[in-house]
C-alpha atoms as a PDB file:
ATOM      1  CA  MET A   1      85.582  -9.058   9.919  1.00  0.00           C
ATOM      2  CA  THR A   2      86.516 -11.527  12.637  1.00  0.00           C
ATOM      3  CA  GLN A   3      83.571 -12.755  14.677  1.00  0.00           C
ATOM      4  CA  PRO A   4      83.994 -12.786  18.469  1.00  0.00           C
ATOM      5  CA  ASN A   5      84.567 -16.183  20.032  1.00  0.00           C
ATOM      6  CA  PRO A   6      81.355 -17.710  21.381  1.00  0.00           C
ATOM      7  CA  ARG A   7      81.307 -17.405  25.160  1.00  0.00           C
ATOM      8  CA  THR A   8      79.678 -19.409  27.918  1.00  0.00           C
ATOM      9  CA  ALA A   9      78.349 -17.967  31.170  1.00  0.00           C
ATOM     10  CA  LEU A  10      77.925 -20.073  34.292  1.00  0.00           C
ATOM     11  CA  VAL A  11      75.422 -18.954  36.931  1.00  0.00           C
ATOM     12  CA  VAL A  12      75.583 -20.303  40.469  1.00  0.00           C
ATOM     13  CA  GLY A  13      72.555 -19.462  42.605  1.00  0.00           C
ATOM     14  CA  ALA A  14      70.175 -18.963  39.692  1.00  0.00           C
ATOM     15  CA  THR A  15      67.065 -19.558  41.820  1.00  0.00           C
ATOM     16  CA  GLY A  16      67.793 -16.683  44.208  1.00  0.00           C
ATOM     17  CA  LEU A  17      66.642 -13.086  43.913  1.00  0.00           C
ATOM     18  CA  ILE A  18      69.655 -11.696  42.062  1.00  0.00           C
ATOM     19  CA  GLY A  19      70.507 -14.969  40.334  1.00  0.00           C
ATOM     20  CA  SER A  20      67.078 -15.379  38.750  1.00  0.00           C
ATOM     21  CA  LEU A  21      67.077 -11.817  37.455  1.00  0.00           C
ATOM     22  CA  LEU A  22      70.626 -12.185  36.164  1.00  0.00           C
ATOM     23  CA  THR A  23      69.813 -15.422  34.348  1.00  0.00           C
ATOM     24  CA  ASN A  24      66.963 -13.675  32.560  1.00  0.00           C
ATOM     25  CA  ARG A  25      69.269 -10.801  31.583  1.00  0.00           C
ATOM     26  CA  LEU A  26      71.884 -13.229  30.277  1.00  0.00           C
ATOM     27  CA  VAL A  27      69.508 -15.150  27.998  1.00  0.00           C
ATOM     28  CA  GLU A  28      68.214 -11.828  26.641  1.00  0.00           C
ATOM     29  CA  SER A  29      71.751 -10.618  25.955  1.00  0.00           C
ATOM     30  CA  SER A  30      73.819 -11.367  22.850  1.00  0.00           C
ATOM     31  CA  ALA A  31      77.018 -11.480  24.940  1.00  0.00           C
ATOM     32  CA  TYR A  32      76.900 -15.249  25.506  1.00  0.00           C
ATOM     33  CA  GLU A  33      76.194 -18.174  23.225  1.00  0.00           C
ATOM     34  CA  LYS A  34      75.337 -20.458  26.158  1.00  0.00           C
ATOM     35  CA  ILE A  35      74.166 -19.830  29.710  1.00  0.00           C
ATOM     36  CA  LYS A  36      74.721 -22.754  32.092  1.00  0.00           C
ATOM     37  CA  VAL A  37      73.082 -22.811  35.508  1.00  0.00           C
ATOM     38  CA  LEU A  38      74.091 -25.137  38.314  1.00  0.00           C
ATOM     39  CA  VAL A  39      70.865 -26.220  39.987  1.00  0.00           C
ATOM     40  CA  ARG A  40      69.496 -28.800  42.379  1.00  0.00           C
ATOM     41  CA  HIS A  41      65.991 -28.345  40.998  1.00  0.00           C
ATOM     42  CA  SER A  42      64.755 -27.112  37.626  1.00  0.00           C
ATOM     43  CA  LEU A  43      64.176 -23.397  37.120  1.00  0.00           C
ATOM     44  CA  GLY A  44      60.801 -24.205  35.600  1.00  0.00           C
ATOM     45  CA  TRP A  45      61.373 -22.431  32.306  1.00  0.00           C
ATOM     46  CA  GLN A  46      63.414 -22.973  29.142  1.00  0.00           C
ATOM     47  CA  HIS A  47      65.363 -21.040  26.547  1.00  0.00           C
ATOM     48  CA  PRO A  48      67.381 -22.250  23.531  1.00  0.00           C
ATOM     49  CA  ARG A  49      70.637 -20.937  25.037  1.00  0.00           C
ATOM     50  CA  LEU A  50      69.899 -22.002  28.615  1.00  0.00           C
ATOM     51  CA  GLN A  51      71.386 -25.255  29.909  1.00  0.00           C
ATOM     52  CA  GLU A  52      70.392 -26.555  33.324  1.00  0.00           C
ATOM     53  CA  VAL A  53      73.080 -28.636  34.993  1.00  0.00           C
ATOM     54  CA  GLN A  54      72.030 -30.795  37.935  1.00  0.00           C
ATOM     55  CA  TYR A  55      74.777 -30.237  40.490  1.00  0.00           C
ATOM     56  CA  ASP A  56      75.624 -31.634  43.905  1.00  0.00           C
ATOM     57  CA  PHE A  57      77.556 -28.920  45.745  1.00  0.00           C
ATOM     58  CA  ASP A  58      78.622 -31.402  48.412  1.00  0.00           C
ATOM     59  CA  HIS A  59      80.248 -33.594  45.751  1.00  0.00           C
ATOM     60  CA  PRO A  60      81.470 -31.045  43.189  1.00  0.00           C
ATOM     61  CA  ASN A  61      82.286 -32.095  39.628  1.00  0.00           C
ATOM     62  CA  GLY A  62      84.784 -29.794  37.962  1.00  0.00           C
ATOM     63  CA  LEU A  63      83.830 -30.815  34.426  1.00  0.00           C
ATOM     64  CA  LEU A  64      80.365 -29.343  34.967  1.00  0.00           C
ATOM     65  CA  THR A  65      81.818 -25.918  35.793  1.00  0.00           C
ATOM     66  CA  GLN A  66      83.411 -25.270  32.404  1.00  0.00           C
ATOM     67  CA  ALA A  67      82.663 -21.714  31.278  1.00  0.00           C
ATOM     68  CA  ASP A  68      84.322 -18.448  30.354  1.00  0.00           C
ATOM     69  CA  ASP A  69      82.636 -16.244  32.956  1.00  0.00           C
ATOM     70  CA  VAL A  70      81.258 -17.401  36.305  1.00  0.00           C
ATOM     71  CA  PHE A  71      78.504 -15.416  38.046  1.00  0.00           C
ATOM     72  CA  CYS A  72      78.127 -16.502  41.676  1.00  0.00           C
ATOM     73  CA  CYS A  73      74.951 -15.358  43.433  1.00  0.00           C
ATOM     74  CA  LEU A  74      74.831 -18.010  46.149  1.00  0.00           C
ATOM     75  CA  GLY A  75      73.678 -16.997  49.587  1.00  0.00           C
ATOM     76  CA  THR A  76      71.409 -18.024  52.421  1.00  0.00           C
ATOM     77  CA  THR A  77      70.276 -16.783  55.823  1.00  0.00           C
ATOM     78  CA  MET A  78      71.158 -18.033  59.276  1.00  0.00           C
ATOM     79  CA  LYS A  79      67.521 -18.995  59.851  1.00  0.00           C
ATOM     80  CA  LYS A  80      67.306 -21.046  56.672  1.00  0.00           C
ATOM     81  CA  ALA A  81      70.760 -22.610  57.136  1.00  0.00           C
ATOM     82  CA  GLY A  82      70.010 -23.585  60.724  1.00  0.00           C
ATOM     83  CA  SER A  83      73.558 -23.264  62.035  1.00  0.00           C
ATOM     84  CA  ARG A  84      76.747 -21.294  61.567  1.00  0.00           C
ATOM     85  CA  GLU A  85      78.406 -24.327  60.042  1.00  0.00           C
ATOM     86  CA  ALA A  86      75.648 -24.761  57.450  1.00  0.00           C
ATOM     87  CA  PHE A  87      75.631 -21.030  56.686  1.00  0.00           C
ATOM     88  CA  ARG A  88      79.392 -21.043  56.116  1.00  0.00           C
ATOM     89  CA  LYS A  89      79.071 -24.011  53.770  1.00  0.00           C
ATOM     90  CA  VAL A  90      76.640 -22.185  51.479  1.00  0.00           C
ATOM     91  CA  ASP A  91      78.143 -18.697  51.612  1.00  0.00           C
ATOM     92  CA  TYR A  92      81.820 -19.642  51.756  1.00  0.00           C
ATOM     93  CA  GLN A  93      82.650 -23.234  50.845  1.00  0.00           C
ATOM     94  CA  TYR A  94      80.332 -23.705  47.864  1.00  0.00           C
ATOM     95  CA  PRO A  95      81.385 -20.469  46.080  1.00  0.00           C
ATOM     96  CA  LEU A  96      85.065 -21.178  46.740  1.00  0.00           C
ATOM     97  CA  ASP A  97      84.776 -24.761  45.470  1.00  0.00           C
ATOM     98  CA  VAL A  98      83.098 -23.620  42.247  1.00  0.00           C
ATOM     99  CA  ALA A  99      85.651 -20.831  41.791  1.00  0.00           C
ATOM    100  CA  ARG A 100      88.592 -23.226  42.098  1.00  0.00           C
ATOM    101  CA  LEU A 101      87.099 -25.854  39.799  1.00  0.00           C
ATOM    102  CA  ALA A 102      85.963 -23.385  37.152  1.00  0.00           C
ATOM    103  CA  LEU A 103      89.399 -21.755  37.090  1.00  0.00           C
ATOM    104  CA  ALA A 104      91.054 -25.152  36.636  1.00  0.00           C
ATOM    105  CA  ASN A 105      88.682 -25.776  33.721  1.00  0.00           C
ATOM    106  CA  GLY A 106      89.426 -22.561  31.859  1.00  0.00           C
ATOM    107  CA  ALA A 107      87.259 -19.812  33.371  1.00  0.00           C
ATOM    108  CA  ARG A 108      88.768 -16.349  33.019  1.00  0.00           C
ATOM    109  CA  GLN A 109      86.362 -14.112  34.910  1.00  0.00           C
ATOM    110  CA  PHE A 110      84.621 -14.582  38.256  1.00  0.00           C
ATOM    111  CA  LEU A 111      81.838 -12.291  39.485  1.00  0.00           C
ATOM    112  CA  LEU A 112      80.734 -12.653  43.107  1.00  0.00           C
ATOM    113  CA  VAL A 113      77.744 -11.196  44.937  1.00  0.00           C
ATOM    114  CA  SER A 114      78.972 -10.394  48.435  1.00  0.00           C
ATOM    115  CA  ALA A 115      77.455  -7.852  50.838  1.00  0.00           C
ATOM    116  CA  MET A 116      77.983  -4.365  52.168  1.00  0.00           C
ATOM    117  CA  GLY A 117      80.260  -4.485  55.194  1.00  0.00           C
ATOM    118  CA  ALA A 118      82.123  -7.635  54.152  1.00  0.00           C
ATOM    119  CA  ASP A 119      85.295  -7.836  56.242  1.00  0.00           C
ATOM    120  CA  PHE A 120      87.228 -10.975  57.184  1.00  0.00           C
ATOM    121  CA  ASN A 121      88.293  -9.248  60.413  1.00  0.00           C
ATOM    122  CA  SER A 122      84.735  -8.370  61.437  1.00  0.00           C
ATOM    123  CA  ARG A 123      83.309  -9.527  64.769  1.00  0.00           C
ATOM    124  CA  ILE A 124      79.956  -9.910  63.018  1.00  0.00           C
ATOM    125  CA  PHE A 125      79.736 -13.501  61.763  1.00  0.00           C
ATOM    126  CA  TYR A 126      77.851 -12.677  58.538  1.00  0.00           C
ATOM    127  CA  ASN A 127      80.251  -9.906  57.538  1.00  0.00           C
ATOM    128  CA  ARG A 128      83.260 -12.047  58.417  1.00  0.00           C
ATOM    129  CA  ILE A 129      82.140 -14.959  56.221  1.00  0.00           C
ATOM    130  CA  LYS A 130      81.481 -12.597  53.323  1.00  0.00           C
ATOM    131  CA  GLY A 131      84.912 -11.089  53.811  1.00  0.00           C
ATOM    132  CA  GLU A 132      86.578 -14.496  53.948  1.00  0.00           C
ATOM    133  CA  VAL A 133      85.014 -15.670  50.693  1.00  0.00           C
ATOM    134  CA  GLU A 134      85.982 -12.396  49.015  1.00  0.00           C
ATOM    135  CA  ARG A 135      89.545 -12.775  50.233  1.00  0.00           C
ATOM    136  CA  ASP A 136      89.994 -16.399  49.228  1.00  0.00           C
ATOM    137  CA  ILE A 137      88.340 -16.166  45.827  1.00  0.00           C
ATOM    138  CA  GLY A 138      90.262 -12.957  45.187  1.00  0.00           C
ATOM    139  CA  ALA A 139      93.507 -14.827  45.908  1.00  0.00           C
ATOM    140  CA  LEU A 140      92.871 -17.273  43.061  1.00  0.00           C
ATOM    141  CA  ALA A 141      94.597 -16.666  39.743  1.00  0.00           C
ATOM    142  CA  TYR A 142      91.596 -15.282  37.873  1.00  0.00           C
ATOM    143  CA  PRO A 143      92.563 -12.657  35.286  1.00  0.00           C
ATOM    144  CA  THR A 144      89.403 -10.816  36.335  1.00  0.00           C
ATOM    145  CA  CYS A 145      87.644 -10.955  39.708  1.00  0.00           C
ATOM    146  CA  LEU A 146      84.688  -8.635  40.291  1.00  0.00           C
ATOM    147  CA  ILE A 147      83.053  -8.295  43.724  1.00  0.00           C
ATOM    148  CA  PHE A 148      79.615  -6.728  44.194  1.00  0.00           C
ATOM    149  CA  ARG A 149      78.594  -5.490  47.654  1.00  0.00           C
ATOM    150  CA  PRO A 150      74.896  -4.550  47.680  1.00  0.00           C
ATOM    151  CA  SER A 151      73.150  -3.202  50.752  1.00  0.00           C
ATOM    152  CA  LEU A 152      69.662  -4.477  51.697  1.00  0.00           C
ATOM    153  CA  LEU A 153      68.097  -5.927  48.554  1.00  0.00           C
ATOM    154  CA  LEU A 154      64.721  -4.709  47.373  1.00  0.00           C
ATOM    155  CA  GLY A 155      62.660  -7.013  45.169  1.00  0.00           C
ATOM    156  CA  ASP A 156      60.189  -9.868  45.158  1.00  0.00           C
ATOM    157  CA  ARG A 157      61.646 -13.133  46.443  1.00  0.00           C
ATOM    158  CA  ARG A 158      60.115 -16.533  45.764  1.00  0.00           C
ATOM    159  CA  GLU A 159      60.518 -17.332  49.450  1.00  0.00           C
ATOM    160  CA  PHE A 160      59.042 -15.225  52.231  1.00  0.00           C
ATOM    161  CA  ARG A 161      61.582 -13.669  54.613  1.00  0.00           C
ATOM    162  CA  LEU A 162      59.771 -11.698  57.314  1.00  0.00           C
ATOM    163  CA  GLY A 163      62.835  -9.831  58.543  1.00  0.00           C
ATOM    164  CA  GLU A 164      63.830  -8.735  55.074  1.00  0.00           C
ATOM    165  CA  ARG A 165      60.236  -7.813  54.208  1.00  0.00           C
ATOM    166  CA  ILE A 166      60.033  -5.534  57.241  1.00  0.00           C
ATOM    167  CA  GLY A 167      63.508  -4.148  56.588  1.00  0.00           C
ATOM    168  CA  ALA A 168      62.697  -3.449  52.944  1.00  0.00           C
ATOM    169  CA  GLY A 169      59.549  -1.576  53.946  1.00  0.00           C
ATOM    170  CA  LEU A 170      61.459   0.584  56.395  1.00  0.00           C
ATOM    171  CA  MET A 171      64.266   1.095  53.882  1.00  0.00           C
ATOM    172  CA  LYS A 172      61.871   2.497  51.289  1.00  0.00           C
ATOM    173  CA  LEU A 173      60.796   5.123  53.824  1.00  0.00           C
ATOM    174  CA  LEU A 174      64.328   5.926  54.977  1.00  0.00           C
ATOM    175  CA  ASN A 175      66.133   5.729  51.634  1.00  0.00           C
ATOM    176  CA  PRO A 176      65.918   9.468  50.831  1.00  0.00           C
ATOM    177  CA  LEU A 177      67.511  10.289  54.206  1.00  0.00           C
ATOM    178  CA  LEU A 178      70.418   7.834  53.999  1.00  0.00           C
ATOM    179  CA  PRO A 179      73.836   8.209  52.371  1.00  0.00           C
ATOM    180  CA  ALA A 180      73.838   6.497  48.958  1.00  0.00           C
ATOM    181  CA  ARG A 181      75.949   3.545  50.091  1.00  0.00           C
ATOM    182  CA  TYR A 182      73.457   2.565  52.804  1.00  0.00           C
ATOM    183  CA  ARG A 183      70.276   2.888  50.791  1.00  0.00           C
ATOM    184  CA  GLY A 184      68.342  -0.233  49.862  1.00  0.00           C
ATOM    185  CA  ILE A 185      69.060  -1.345  46.325  1.00  0.00           C
ATOM    186  CA  ARG A 186      66.852  -3.104  43.839  1.00  0.00           C
ATOM    187  CA  ALA A 187      68.064  -6.578  42.972  1.00  0.00           C
ATOM    188  CA  ASP A 188      67.669  -5.896  39.260  1.00  0.00           C
ATOM    189  CA  SER A 189      70.191  -3.053  39.570  1.00  0.00           C
ATOM    190  CA  VAL A 190      72.741  -5.540  40.890  1.00  0.00           C
ATOM    191  CA  ALA A 191      71.956  -8.042  38.122  1.00  0.00           C
ATOM    192  CA  ASN A 192      72.240  -5.328  35.474  1.00  0.00           C
ATOM    193  CA  ALA A 193      75.553  -4.146  36.900  1.00  0.00           C
ATOM    194  CA  MET A 194      76.992  -7.650  36.872  1.00  0.00           C
ATOM    195  CA  LEU A 195      76.191  -8.180  33.215  1.00  0.00           C
ATOM    196  CA  GLU A 196      77.439  -4.723  32.263  1.00  0.00           C
ATOM    197  CA  MET A 197      80.739  -5.149  34.106  1.00  0.00           C
ATOM    198  CA  ALA A 198      81.239  -8.644  32.692  1.00  0.00           C
ATOM    199  CA  ARG A 199      81.011  -7.210  29.186  1.00  0.00           C
ATOM    200  CA  LYS A 200      83.531  -4.425  29.785  1.00  0.00           C
ATOM    201  CA  GLY A 201      86.587  -6.615  29.565  1.00  0.00           C
ATOM    202  CA  LEU A 202      88.065  -5.436  32.855  1.00  0.00           C
ATOM    203  CA  SER A 203      91.181  -7.067  34.235  1.00  0.00           C
ATOM    204  CA  GLY A 204      92.393  -7.438  37.804  1.00  0.00           C
ATOM    205  CA  HIS A 205      90.453  -7.295  41.062  1.00  0.00           C
ATOM    206  CA  HIS A 206      87.591  -4.790  41.448  1.00  0.00           C
ATOM    207  CA  ILE A 207      85.076  -4.164  44.239  1.00  0.00           C
ATOM    208  CA  PHE A 208      81.803  -2.351  43.562  1.00  0.00           C
ATOM    209  CA  GLU A 209      80.027  -0.865  46.571  1.00  0.00           C
ATOM    210  CA  SER A 210      76.267  -0.494  46.729  1.00  0.00           C
ATOM    211  CA  ASP A 211      76.204   3.187  45.764  1.00  0.00           C
ATOM    212  CA  GLN A 212      78.110   2.368  42.560  1.00  0.00           C
ATOM    213  CA  LEU A 213      75.454  -0.184  41.602  1.00  0.00           C
ATOM    214  CA  GLN A 214      72.435   2.098  42.098  1.00  0.00           C
ATOM    215  CA  GLU A 215      72.701   3.628  38.611  1.00  0.00           C
ATOM    216  CA  TYR A 216      72.124   0.325  36.826  1.00  0.00           C
END
């Protein structure tokens, strides 16, 4: 019986809420022989199949992006970024740079965490940037491009975000009254969905809305 080719996963944004959960799922899974994470600072834990790659997103190195499947969970907030320009760099330019370089170095599948309401024609800056990065990564020649659009994320972040903490509290109260697409979603459901979809061998461009991710 022919053994499957060993595969490498690349995680971008592994220190964030979804990214950290996803990285844990990946090292627990038998789907990948190696899990590479592009980081500025160490994750603080080790695993035999986990490889930390110190990476400067402002001076990208394509050789460091070599992988079969790329999981991009990068994202920030306007408050943390400090300006629209800085926000766009993290949520648009960095993901697009990694997507282009990884594709040129052999990646076949790109999975992107976007957001509910992403629309490059939106008047809302956040939604427009998310829509633009979806559009431009989707235009690359990836055999498989999977977009995940969660609503408000529920889960324990390493960093304290007052607005999200308040919103998450309200969302827990309102969730039963809201249509499925608008309900808050646990970050681990998104991470689980990403791994599951990556393993399905899908081809083409697919978008998964928040209500589709709730079951994971």
